[in-house]
């Protein structure tokens, strides 16, 4: 049994040592390579590239060939004396034809332009998806850092409570501490153990959330590298200046702009049906014909002699198609108005998001500075109360209250720190600065 315990301990220690620690950059890159939504956007982009190729190839002529074989059996009428007789025939035919559009009201040109605009919009959609995933990973990464620091604070406080309880236990055993004081320290120790367990569970859950967005099978051998960084307080760029940068670079706006331009092309595509259509076509046919009980020329001679070549032009002039073209043009114009409204909405939403991020960053900065001051005051109060408690001049309830206030102040400072860092990264995101934590 003892040997089995030793083996298990060795396996656990090896597993802990095999943990791979990831930086934020590695997490973002892995998520971008494995995220399902991004893969779907990539497929949509590939499909749009195919649409561009299809639209371009419509300029080329088509070419087709056909072969046929027919058989005829039974009685037929004679054209000479109007009598009937039996005749069995076989007919083999070959045909090749081609056609090309010479003028289609510029429909092909506009279709190519529309396909390219849709491709550009799909590319911006892919960029938007990649940016969204990057921000989600950054948020969860910072959440893990926050949970880890809270867990460390809880573990450190647990050690302090354990030391105080052991000290009070020795004093109680020699009669220098009352039973009530002894049980107060025992109760605080139990509470701190619960707090430490909860903090550790929160750390594991935060790590699980991060590993899931990275599409990892399990968070067991996954850990992150805590960057050595502290918030730097600098003058924040005003929202309007950030918006001026973001409105010309953010994928959500650029995609909407491409779709507005595409709607304009759709109007021209609908209008192209108002113009005449000119098409050129050419073909060549030949065949081989035999009649039972009659001598027929050879296949090669018939193939050559029965050759027929043709070409021609077809001009189609639209006159009246039950107002279908007019309604399509109206529908395309309404779609363009809708896309224009969507562009305006995207710009307004972008400016609103930047404003919210800016003022959230200011509030987070103020909260962090205030929490830092609160921690200094709480630490000093804790030291004074701890000294009084050890000297018997403060009760266990008073000491516990001060300790609770210190824990809350430290927790608030840690949360404010990472909240402020995240707000700064959001502002950098809108300014086009890559998200890194070094």
Protein backbone atom coordinates (compact mmCIF):
# COMPACT_ATOMS: atom_id res chain seq x y z
CA UNK A 1 0.00 0.00 0.00
CA UNK A 2 2.85 2.33 0.86
CA UNK A 3 4.59 1.54 -2.45
CA UNK A 4 1.38 2.32 -4.31
CA UNK A 5 1.18 5.69 -2.57
CA UNK A 6 4.77 6.48 -3.58
CA UNK A 7 4.05 5.64 -7.23
CA UNK A 8 0.97 7.87 -7.27
CA UNK A 9 2.96 10.71 -5.72
CA UNK A 10 5.68 10.35 -8.35
CA UNK A 11 3.11 10.44 -11.15
CA UNK A 12 1.52 13.56 -9.72
CA UNK A 13 4.89 15.27 -9.40
CA UNK A 14 5.79 14.35 -12.98
CA UNK A 15 2.45 15.66 -14.22
CA UNK A 16 2.94 18.93 -12.39
CA UNK A 17 6.40 19.28 -13.83
CA UNK A 18 5.08 18.65 -17.35
CA UNK A 19 2.73 21.60 -17.24
CA UNK A 20 3.19 23.82 -20.26
CA UNK A 21 3.02 27.51 -19.50
CA UNK A 22 1.60 29.72 -22.23
CA UNK A 23 2.05 33.43 -22.78
CA UNK A 24 -0.83 35.60 -23.93
CA UNK A 25 0.65 35.70 -27.42
CA UNK A 26 0.73 31.89 -27.58
CA UNK A 27 -2.84 31.68 -26.33
CA UNK A 28 -4.08 34.15 -28.95
CA UNK A 29 -2.20 32.47 -31.79
CA UNK A 30 -3.47 29.02 -30.78
CA UNK A 31 -7.05 30.29 -30.56
CA UNK A 32 -6.82 31.94 -33.97
CA UNK A 33 -5.59 28.66 -35.49
CA UNK A 34 -8.23 26.45 -33.87
CA UNK A 35 -11.35 28.54 -33.29
CA UNK A 36 -14.36 27.08 -35.11
CA UNK A 37 -15.96 30.44 -35.92
CA UNK A 38 -12.75 31.62 -37.55
CA UNK A 39 -12.57 28.41 -39.59
CA UNK A 40 -16.14 29.04 -40.76
CA UNK A 41 -15.21 32.58 -41.79
CA UNK A 42 -12.25 31.19 -43.72
CA UNK A 43 -14.58 28.82 -45.57
CA UNK A 44 -16.90 31.72 -46.38
CA UNK A 45 -13.89 33.63 -47.72
CA UNK A 46 -12.87 30.69 -49.92
CA UNK A 47 -16.40 30.48 -51.30
CA UNK A 48 -16.33 34.18 -52.20
CA UNK A 49 -13.05 33.65 -54.04
CA UNK A 50 -14.76 30.95 -56.09
CA UNK A 51 -17.60 33.39 -56.84
CA UNK A 52 -15.06 35.89 -58.18
CA UNK A 53 -13.57 33.24 -60.48
CA UNK A 54 -17.03 32.22 -61.68
CA UNK A 55 -17.97 35.82 -62.45
CA UNK A 56 -14.74 36.39 -64.40
CA UNK A 57 -15.10 33.22 -66.47
CA UNK A 58 -18.53 34.34 -67.72
CA UNK A 59 -16.65 36.51 -70.21
CA UNK A 60 -15.33 33.39 -71.95
CA UNK A 61 -17.27 31.55 -74.68
CA UNK A 62 -18.81 28.24 -73.83
CA UNK A 63 -18.19 25.12 -75.88
CA UNK A 64 -20.17 21.91 -75.99
CA UNK A 65 -20.33 18.73 -78.03
CA UNK A 66 -23.10 16.23 -78.51
CA UNK A 67 -23.45 12.85 -80.20
CA UNK A 68 -26.67 11.02 -80.92
CA UNK A 69 -27.76 7.61 -82.23
CA UNK A 70 -31.31 6.87 -83.38
CA UNK A 71 -33.00 3.77 -84.82
CA UNK A 72 -36.21 3.51 -86.86
CA UNK A 73 -38.15 0.31 -87.59
CA UNK A 74 -41.47 -0.41 -89.39
CA UNK A 75 -43.57 0.74 -92.27
CA UNK A 76 -43.24 4.14 -93.87
CA UNK A 77 -45.05 5.88 -96.74
CA UNK A 78 -43.38 6.18 -100.13
CA UNK A 79 -43.35 9.76 -101.41
CA UNK A 80 -43.49 8.51 -105.02
CA UNK A 81 -46.66 6.38 -105.19
CA UNK A 82 -48.12 6.78 -101.72
CA UNK A 83 -47.62 3.11 -100.87
CA UNK A 84 -46.25 1.67 -97.65
CA UNK A 85 -43.20 -0.52 -97.27
CA UNK A 86 -40.91 -1.74 -94.53
CA UNK A 87 -37.75 0.25 -93.81
CA UNK A 88 -35.19 0.05 -91.02
CA UNK A 89 -32.82 3.00 -90.62
CA UNK A 90 -29.99 4.09 -88.34
CA UNK A 91 -28.86 7.67 -87.90
CA UNK A 92 -25.68 8.83 -86.14
CA UNK A 93 -25.22 12.58 -85.53
CA UNK A 94 -22.40 14.74 -84.14
CA UNK A 95 -22.62 18.37 -83.12
CA UNK A 96 -20.33 21.00 -81.59
CA UNK A 97 -21.52 24.50 -80.66
CA UNK A 98 -20.20 27.62 -78.97
CA UNK A 99 -21.63 30.96 -77.92
CA UNK A 100 -20.35 34.11 -76.30
CA UNK A 101 -22.01 37.21 -74.97
CA UNK A 102 -20.84 40.31 -76.84
CA UNK A 103 -22.91 42.81 -74.89
CA UNK A 104 -25.13 42.25 -71.88
CA UNK A 105 -25.72 45.78 -70.65
CA UNK A 106 -22.44 45.58 -68.66
CA UNK A 107 -24.02 42.88 -66.49
CA UNK A 108 -20.92 40.69 -66.48
CA UNK A 109 -18.68 43.62 -65.55
CA UNK A 110 -20.92 44.59 -62.65
CA UNK A 111 -21.19 40.98 -61.48
CA UNK A 112 -17.40 40.74 -61.34
CA UNK A 113 -17.20 43.98 -59.35
CA UNK A 114 -19.94 42.77 -56.97
CA UNK A 115 -18.15 39.45 -56.42
CA UNK A 116 -14.92 41.29 -55.58
CA UNK A 117 -16.72 43.56 -53.12
CA UNK A 118 -18.33 40.55 -51.45
CA UNK A 119 -14.88 38.98 -51.23
CA UNK A 120 -13.51 42.13 -49.55
CA UNK A 121 -16.45 42.12 -47.11
CA UNK A 122 -15.84 38.44 -46.28
CA UNK A 123 -12.18 39.24 -45.65
CA UNK A 124 -13.16 42.01 -43.21
CA UNK A 125 -15.61 39.62 -41.52
CA UNK A 126 -12.71 37.21 -41.00
CA UNK A 127 -10.58 40.00 -39.52
CA UNK A 128 -13.46 40.96 -37.20
CA UNK A 129 -13.81 37.37 -36.02
CA UNK A 130 -10.07 37.16 -35.36
CA UNK A 131 -10.14 40.41 -33.38
CA UNK A 132 -13.14 39.27 -31.34
CA UNK A 133 -11.41 36.00 -30.45
CA UNK A 134 -8.24 37.89 -29.51
CA UNK A 135 -10.21 40.13 -27.16
CA UNK A 136 -12.02 37.16 -25.62
CA UNK A 137 -8.75 35.34 -25.01
CA UNK A 138 -7.20 38.48 -23.50
CA UNK A 139 -10.16 38.94 -21.16
CA UNK A 140 -10.05 35.32 -20.00
CA UNK A 141 -6.25 35.42 -19.69
CA UNK A 142 -6.47 38.43 -17.37
CA UNK A 143 -9.25 36.71 -15.46
CA UNK A 144 -6.93 33.77 -14.82
CA UNK A 145 -4.21 36.14 -13.62
CA UNK A 146 -6.70 37.80 -11.28
CA UNK A 147 -7.89 34.44 -9.93
CA UNK A 148 -4.31 33.26 -9.40
CA UNK A 149 -3.39 36.36 -7.40
CA UNK A 150 -6.53 36.07 -5.27
CA UNK A 151 -5.69 32.41 -4.66
CA UNK A 152 -2.15 33.36 -3.59
CA UNK A 153 -3.50 36.02 -1.20
CA UNK A 154 -5.95 33.52 0.29
CA UNK A 155 -3.19 30.91 0.68
CA UNK A 156 -0.89 33.44 2.37
CA UNK A 157 -3.67 34.51 4.73
CA UNK A 158 -4.34 30.86 5.54
CA UNK A 159 -0.70 30.41 6.57
CA UNK A 160 -0.97 33.44 8.84
CA UNK A 161 -4.12 32.04 10.44
CA UNK A 162 -2.47 28.65 10.90
CA UNK A 163 0.49 30.26 12.63
CA UNK A 164 -1.80 32.30 14.90
CA UNK A 165 -3.89 29.25 15.74
CA UNK A 166 -0.83 27.14 16.60
CA UNK A 167 0.54 29.96 18.75
CA UNK A 168 -2.79 30.39 20.53
CA UNK A 169 -3.02 26.61 20.99
CA UNK A 170 0.32 26.53 22.81
CA UNK A 171 -0.70 29.49 24.98
CA UNK A 172 -4.02 27.80 25.76
CA UNK A 173 -2.25 24.59 26.75
CA UNK A 174 -0.13 26.44 29.34
CA UNK A 175 -3.07 28.49 30.57
CA UNK A 176 -2.02 31.85 29.09
CA UNK A 177 -4.97 32.10 26.65
CA UNK A 178 -8.63 31.65 27.33
CA UNK A 179 -10.68 28.91 25.72
CA UNK A 180 -12.86 31.43 23.90
CA UNK A 181 -9.83 33.06 22.29
CA UNK A 182 -8.50 29.65 21.27
CA UNK A 183 -11.75 28.72 19.56
CA UNK A 184 -11.93 32.13 17.88
CA UNK A 185 -8.61 31.44 16.17
CA UNK A 186 -9.79 27.93 15.29
CA UNK A 187 -12.94 29.36 13.73
CA UNK A 188 -10.97 31.95 11.73
CA UNK A 189 -8.65 29.19 10.53
CA UNK A 190 -11.62 27.16 9.28
CA UNK A 191 -13.06 30.22 7.52
CA UNK A 192 -9.75 30.99 5.86
CA UNK A 193 -9.48 27.40 4.67
CA UNK A 194 -12.89 27.70 3.02
CA UNK A 195 -11.82 31.00 1.44
CA UNK A 196 -8.60 29.43 0.14
CA UNK A 197 -10.49 26.46 -1.31
CA UNK A 198 -13.00 28.76 -3.02
CA UNK A 199 -10.21 30.91 -4.42
CA UNK A 200 -8.42 27.84 -5.77
CA UNK A 201 -11.66 26.57 -7.34
CA UNK A 202 -12.20 29.95 -8.97
CA UNK A 203 -8.67 29.79 -10.36
CA UNK A 204 -9.32 26.36 -11.84
CA UNK A 205 -12.62 27.48 -13.33
CA UNK A 206 -10.99 30.54 -14.90
CA UNK A 207 -8.28 28.32 -16.34
CA UNK A 208 -10.97 25.98 -17.67
CA UNK A 209 -12.74 28.86 -19.45
CA UNK A 210 -9.48 29.89 -21.07
CA UNK A 211 -8.60 26.35 -22.13
CA UNK A 212 -12.04 25.87 -23.68
CA UNK A 213 -11.79 28.93 -25.90
CA UNK A 214 -8.38 27.60 -26.95
CA UNK A 215 -10.10 24.33 -27.93
CA UNK A 216 -7.87 22.35 -25.56
CA UNK A 217 -9.11 18.92 -24.55
CA UNK A 218 -8.28 19.42 -20.86
CA UNK A 219 -6.83 22.16 -18.62
CA UNK A 220 -4.94 19.66 -16.48
CA UNK A 221 -1.48 20.27 -18.01
CA UNK A 222 -2.18 23.86 -18.97
CA UNK A 223 -0.88 26.95 -17.20
CA UNK A 224 -0.12 30.54 -18.14
CA UNK A 225 2.87 32.81 -17.73
CA UNK A 226 2.16 35.77 -15.48
CA UNK A 227 3.66 38.86 -17.14
CA UNK A 228 5.80 41.11 -15.00
CA UNK A 229 3.87 44.30 -15.47
CA UNK A 230 2.14 47.00 -13.49
CA UNK A 231 -0.33 49.60 -14.73
CA UNK A 232 1.24 52.73 -16.19
CA UNK A 233 -0.80 55.86 -15.78
CA UNK A 234 -0.66 58.02 -18.85
CA UNK A 235 -2.89 60.54 -20.54
CA UNK A 236 -5.55 58.61 -22.43
CA UNK A 237 -6.30 59.43 -26.05
CA UNK A 238 -9.66 61.24 -26.36
CA UNK A 239 -12.55 59.19 -27.80
CA UNK A 240 -12.88 61.32 -30.94
CA UNK A 241 -9.20 60.85 -31.82
CA UNK A 242 -9.49 57.09 -31.29
CA UNK A 243 -12.65 57.03 -33.42
CA UNK A 244 -10.92 58.86 -36.27
CA UNK A 245 -8.36 56.04 -36.32
CA UNK A 246 -10.82 53.20 -35.86
CA UNK A 247 -13.43 54.31 -38.40
CA UNK A 248 -10.99 53.85 -41.29
CA UNK A 249 -9.42 50.62 -40.07
CA UNK A 250 -11.90 48.54 -38.07
CA UNK A 251 -13.25 45.54 -40.02
CA UNK A 252 -16.86 46.07 -38.90
CA UNK A 253 -16.95 49.45 -40.65
CA UNK A 254 -14.95 48.41 -43.69
CA UNK A 255 -17.19 45.36 -44.24
CA UNK A 256 -20.27 47.59 -44.11
CA UNK A 257 -18.67 49.99 -46.61
CA UNK A 258 -17.96 47.13 -49.03
CA UNK A 259 -21.56 45.98 -48.76
CA UNK A 260 -22.84 49.48 -49.55
CA UNK A 261 -20.64 49.53 -52.65
CA UNK A 262 -21.92 46.05 -53.51
CA UNK A 263 -25.52 47.28 -53.21
CA UNK A 264 -24.69 50.02 -55.73
CA UNK A 265 -23.42 47.37 -58.12
CA UNK A 266 -26.59 45.35 -57.59
CA UNK A 267 -28.61 48.34 -58.83
CA UNK A 268 -26.54 48.44 -62.03
CA UNK A 269 -26.93 44.69 -62.47
CA UNK A 270 -30.71 45.07 -62.26
CA UNK A 271 -30.61 48.01 -64.71
CA UNK A 272 -28.61 45.99 -67.23
CA UNK A 273 -31.81 44.10 -68.13
CA UNK A 274 -33.09 47.33 -69.70
CA UNK A 275 -30.42 47.20 -72.42
CA UNK A 276 -30.35 45.02 -75.55
CA UNK A 277 -28.37 41.78 -75.33
CA UNK A 278 -26.08 40.71 -78.19
CA UNK A 279 -24.79 37.14 -78.47
CA UNK A 280 -22.66 35.34 -81.04
CA UNK A 281 -23.12 31.62 -81.66
CA UNK A 282 -21.46 29.12 -84.01
CA UNK A 283 -21.81 25.41 -84.58
CA UNK A 284 -20.84 22.48 -86.73
CA UNK A 285 -22.82 19.29 -87.36
CA UNK A 286 -22.40 16.08 -89.31
CA UNK A 287 -23.89 12.61 -89.39
CA UNK A 288 -23.98 9.06 -90.73
CA UNK A 289 -27.18 7.56 -92.14
CA UNK A 290 -27.90 3.97 -93.20
CA UNK A 291 -31.01 2.14 -94.57
CA UNK A 292 -31.45 -1.60 -94.30
CA UNK A 293 -31.11 -3.51 -97.62
CA UNK A 294 -29.64 -0.44 -99.32
CA UNK A 295 -26.04 0.37 -99.98
CA UNK A 296 -24.97 3.46 -98.06
CA UNK A 297 -21.83 5.53 -98.51
CA UNK A 298 -19.02 4.86 -96.07
CA UNK A 299 -18.88 6.46 -92.65
CA UNK A 300 -15.85 8.60 -93.55
CA UNK A 301 -17.40 9.94 -96.74
CA UNK A 302 -20.70 10.73 -95.06
CA UNK A 303 -18.90 12.32 -92.11
CA UNK A 304 -17.17 14.69 -94.57
CA UNK A 305 -20.00 15.26 -97.03
CA UNK A 306 -22.71 15.77 -94.39
CA UNK A 307 -20.70 18.48 -92.61
CA UNK A 308 -22.70 21.63 -91.90
CA UNK A 309 -21.26 24.84 -90.44
CA UNK A 310 -23.20 27.77 -89.07
CA UNK A 311 -22.72 30.99 -87.16
CA UNK A 312 -24.86 33.94 -86.34
CA UNK A 313 -25.71 36.83 -84.07
CA UNK A 314 -28.72 37.16 -81.79
CA UNK A 315 -29.93 40.57 -80.67
CA UNK A 316 -32.49 40.53 -77.87
CA UNK A 317 -34.32 43.81 -77.28
CA UNK A 318 -36.34 44.09 -74.07
CA UNK A 319 -39.73 45.67 -74.68
CA UNK A 320 -42.04 44.61 -71.85
CA UNK A 321 -41.48 41.98 -69.17
CA UNK A 322 -44.42 42.70 -66.87
CA UNK A 323 -42.49 45.43 -64.98
CA UNK A 324 -40.11 42.81 -63.58
CA UNK A 325 -36.96 44.81 -64.31
CA UNK A 326 -38.38 47.99 -62.81
CA UNK A 327 -39.30 46.18 -59.60
CA UNK A 328 -35.83 44.58 -59.37
CA UNK A 329 -34.24 48.02 -59.70
CA UNK A 330 -36.48 49.40 -56.95
CA UNK A 331 -35.68 46.44 -54.71
CA UNK A 332 -31.94 46.91 -55.29
CA UNK A 333 -32.21 50.61 -54.37
CA UNK A 334 -34.06 49.76 -51.17
CA UNK A 335 -31.33 47.24 -50.34
CA UNK A 336 -28.72 49.93 -50.87
CA UNK A 337 -30.57 52.26 -48.47
CA UNK A 338 -30.69 49.47 -45.91
CA UNK A 339 -26.95 48.83 -46.29
CA UNK A 340 -26.31 52.57 -45.87
CA UNK A 341 -28.30 52.55 -42.64
CA UNK A 342 -26.31 49.53 -41.47
CA UNK A 343 -23.08 51.42 -42.19
CA UNK A 344 -24.27 54.41 -40.18
CA UNK A 345 -25.32 52.08 -37.35
CA UNK A 346 -21.90 50.39 -37.39
CA UNK A 347 -20.16 53.77 -37.13
CA UNK A 348 -22.40 54.91 -34.29
CA UNK A 349 -21.95 51.64 -32.45
CA UNK A 350 -18.18 51.92 -32.88
CA UNK A 351 -18.10 55.45 -31.45
CA UNK A 352 -20.34 54.36 -28.57
CA UNK A 353 -18.06 51.42 -27.79
CA UNK A 354 -15.00 53.69 -27.84
CA UNK A 355 -16.68 56.17 -25.51
CA UNK A 356 -17.64 53.39 -23.11
CA UNK A 357 -14.12 51.96 -23.22
CA UNK A 358 -12.57 55.39 -22.62
CA UNK A 359 -14.70 56.31 -19.63
CA UNK A 360 -14.45 52.77 -18.25
CA UNK A 361 -10.66 53.11 -18.42
CA UNK A 362 -10.80 56.42 -16.56
CA UNK A 363 -13.05 54.89 -13.90
CA UNK A 364 -10.79 51.83 -13.64
CA UNK A 365 -7.75 54.07 -13.24
CA UNK A 366 -9.44 56.02 -10.46
CA UNK A 367 -10.59 52.81 -8.78
CA UNK A 368 -7.09 51.34 -8.88
CA UNK A 369 -5.51 54.43 -7.32
CA UNK A 370 -8.17 54.52 -4.62
CA UNK A 371 -7.81 50.79 -3.93
CA UNK A 372 -4.04 51.15 -3.61
CA UNK A 373 -4.55 53.83 -0.95
CA UNK A 374 -7.15 51.64 0.77
CA UNK A 375 -4.70 48.71 0.88
CA UNK A 376 -2.01 50.86 2.51
CA UNK A 377 -4.46 52.03 5.15
CA UNK A 378 -5.82 48.51 5.73
CA UNK A 379 -2.30 47.06 6.08
CA UNK A 380 -1.38 49.66 8.69
CA UNK A 381 -4.63 49.05 10.56
CA UNK A 382 -4.01 45.30 10.41
CA UNK A 383 -0.49 45.64 11.84
CA UNK A 384 -1.69 47.84 14.71
CA UNK A 385 -4.65 45.61 15.53
CA UNK A 386 -2.53 42.46 15.31
CA UNK A 387 -0.09 43.92 17.82
CA UNK A 388 -2.95 44.90 20.14
CA UNK A 389 -4.50 41.46 19.76
CA UNK A 390 -1.25 39.73 20.67
CA UNK A 391 -0.94 41.99 23.70
CA UNK A 392 -4.54 41.29 24.73
CA UNK A 393 -5.71 44.85 24.05
CA UNK A 394 -8.02 43.90 21.15
CA UNK A 395 -10.62 41.19 20.90
CA UNK A 396 -10.67 38.42 18.34
CA UNK A 397 -13.76 39.95 16.74
CA UNK A 398 -11.95 43.27 16.21
CA UNK A 399 -8.91 41.53 14.77
CA UNK A 400 -11.08 39.40 12.45
CA UNK A 401 -12.90 42.49 11.18
CA UNK A 402 -9.62 44.25 10.40
CA UNK A 403 -8.28 41.15 8.66
CA UNK A 404 -11.46 40.87 6.58
CA UNK A 405 -11.16 44.52 5.57
CA UNK A 406 -7.55 43.95 4.52
CA UNK A 407 -8.51 40.92 2.42
CA UNK A 408 -11.26 42.87 0.72
CA UNK A 409 -8.95 45.83 0.05
CA UNK A 410 -6.30 43.56 -1.48
CA UNK A 411 -8.90 41.75 -3.57
CA UNK A 412 -10.36 45.07 -4.77
CA UNK A 413 -6.91 46.32 -5.72
CA UNK A 414 -6.12 43.18 -7.71
CA UNK A 415 -9.46 43.33 -9.50
CA UNK A 416 -9.02 47.03 -10.25
CA UNK A 417 -5.53 46.36 -11.57
CA UNK A 418 -6.62 43.81 -14.15
CA UNK A 419 -9.76 45.72 -14.99
CA UNK A 420 -7.64 48.77 -15.77
CA UNK A 421 -5.16 46.74 -17.82
CA UNK A 422 -8.01 45.23 -19.83
CA UNK A 423 -9.57 48.65 -20.47
CA UNK A 424 -6.23 49.90 -21.75
CA UNK A 425 -5.98 46.91 -24.10
CA UNK A 426 -9.45 47.66 -25.44
CA UNK A 427 -8.39 51.23 -26.26
CA UNK A 428 -5.24 49.87 -27.93
CA UNK A 429 -7.44 47.50 -29.94
CA UNK A 430 -9.47 50.41 -31.31
CA UNK A 431 -6.25 52.25 -32.15
CA UNK A 432 -4.98 49.23 -34.10
CA UNK A 433 -2.23 48.35 -31.59
CA UNK A 434 -1.62 44.57 -31.19
CA UNK A 435 -2.72 43.12 -27.85
CA UNK A 436 0.33 41.98 -25.89
CA UNK A 437 1.19 41.55 -22.23
CA UNK A 438 4.92 41.65 -21.60
